[in-house]
Amino acid sequence: MDRNLISQRQTDALKLEALRVYFDFREGRPTAESVADKLGIPVRTVREWLADNTNAELMDEIVPLWPNIGGARQYAS
């Protein structure tokens, strides 16, 4: 597999995780700073990802799957 494609997939996965953390309101309203701190990435990167206009499409696809992802991970392990 092409290294650029692998790198892009890794970035996409991290972006999805950042969005998941940002929209997890169980412990209050997260900030870009708290998301960056939790994931160990620069705040500027998180802010750029949050401002990305394609997030709405991505969230529409992914959000309904989140409850199932945790169960699938647990089952797989």
Protein backbone atom coordinates (compact mmCIF):
# COMPACT_ATOMS: atom_id res chain seq x y z
CA MET A 1 0.00 0.00 0.00
CA ASP A 2 1.19 3.49 -0.80
CA ARG A 3 2.74 5.33 2.17
CA ASN A 4 0.76 8.47 1.38
CA LEU A 5 -2.49 6.51 1.50
CA ILE A 6 -1.52 4.92 4.81
CA SER A 7 -0.62 8.32 6.23
CA GLN A 8 -3.94 9.77 5.03
CA ARG A 9 -5.90 6.90 6.61
CA GLN A 10 -4.07 7.41 9.91
CA THR A 11 -4.83 11.13 9.81
CA ASP A 12 -8.49 10.44 8.99
CA ALA A 13 -8.74 8.02 11.92
CA LEU A 14 -7.22 10.57 14.29
CA LYS A 15 -9.54 13.26 12.96
CA LEU A 16 -12.54 11.02 13.60
CA GLU A 17 -11.34 10.38 17.14
CA ALA A 18 -10.93 14.12 17.68
CA LEU A 19 -14.48 14.71 16.47
CA ARG A 20 -15.79 11.91 18.68
CA VAL A 21 -14.09 13.39 21.73
CA TYR A 22 -15.24 16.92 20.85
CA PHE A 23 -18.88 15.82 20.59
CA ASP A 24 -18.84 13.69 23.75
CA PHE A 25 -20.78 15.80 26.25
CA ARG A 26 -20.86 13.29 29.13
CA GLU A 27 -18.38 15.37 31.13
CA GLY A 28 -19.41 18.82 29.90
CA ARG A 29 -18.56 20.69 26.72
CA PRO A 30 -15.05 19.80 25.48
CA THR A 31 -12.80 22.49 24.04
CA ALA A 32 -10.27 22.25 21.25
CA GLU A 33 -7.60 22.50 23.94
CA SER A 34 -8.97 19.58 25.96
CA VAL A 35 -9.30 17.43 22.84
CA ALA A 36 -5.74 18.23 21.79
CA ASP A 37 -4.45 17.45 25.27
CA LYS A 38 -6.33 14.15 25.44
CA LEU A 39 -5.09 13.00 22.02
CA GLY A 40 -1.59 14.47 22.28
CA ILE A 41 -1.87 16.59 19.14
CA PRO A 42 -1.45 20.34 18.57
CA VAL A 43 -4.42 22.58 19.37
CA ARG A 44 -4.01 24.26 15.99
CA THR A 45 -4.57 20.91 14.26
CA VAL A 46 -7.75 20.25 16.24
CA ARG A 47 -9.06 23.74 15.44
CA GLU A 48 -8.39 23.23 11.73
CA TRP A 49 -10.18 19.89 11.80
CA LEU A 50 -13.17 21.33 13.65
CA ALA A 51 -13.46 24.15 11.10
CA ASP A 52 -13.41 21.73 8.15
CA ASN A 53 -16.65 22.05 6.15
CA THR A 54 -16.71 18.35 5.30
CA ASN A 55 -17.28 17.40 8.94
CA ALA A 56 -21.08 17.51 8.60
CA GLU A 57 -21.03 14.81 5.93
CA LEU A 58 -18.55 12.75 7.90
CA MET A 59 -20.55 13.07 11.11
CA ASP A 60 -23.77 12.04 9.36
CA GLU A 61 -22.07 8.82 8.27
CA ILE A 62 -20.15 8.01 11.43
CA VAL A 63 -22.24 9.13 14.42
CA PRO A 64 -24.92 6.42 14.05
CA LEU A 65 -22.16 3.79 14.09
CA TRP A 66 -20.40 4.91 17.30
CA PRO A 67 -22.47 2.82 19.72
CA ASN A 68 -21.68 -0.26 17.65
CA ILE A 69 -17.96 0.47 17.35
CA GLY A 70 -17.32 0.01 21.07
CA GLY A 71 -19.15 -3.32 21.06
CA ALA A 72 -17.30 -4.48 17.98
CA ARG A 73 -13.93 -3.58 19.50
CA GLN A 74 -14.79 -5.45 22.70
CA TYR A 75 -15.99 -8.50 20.75
CA ALA A 76 -12.87 -8.48 18.56
CA SER A 77 -10.54 -8.38 21.54
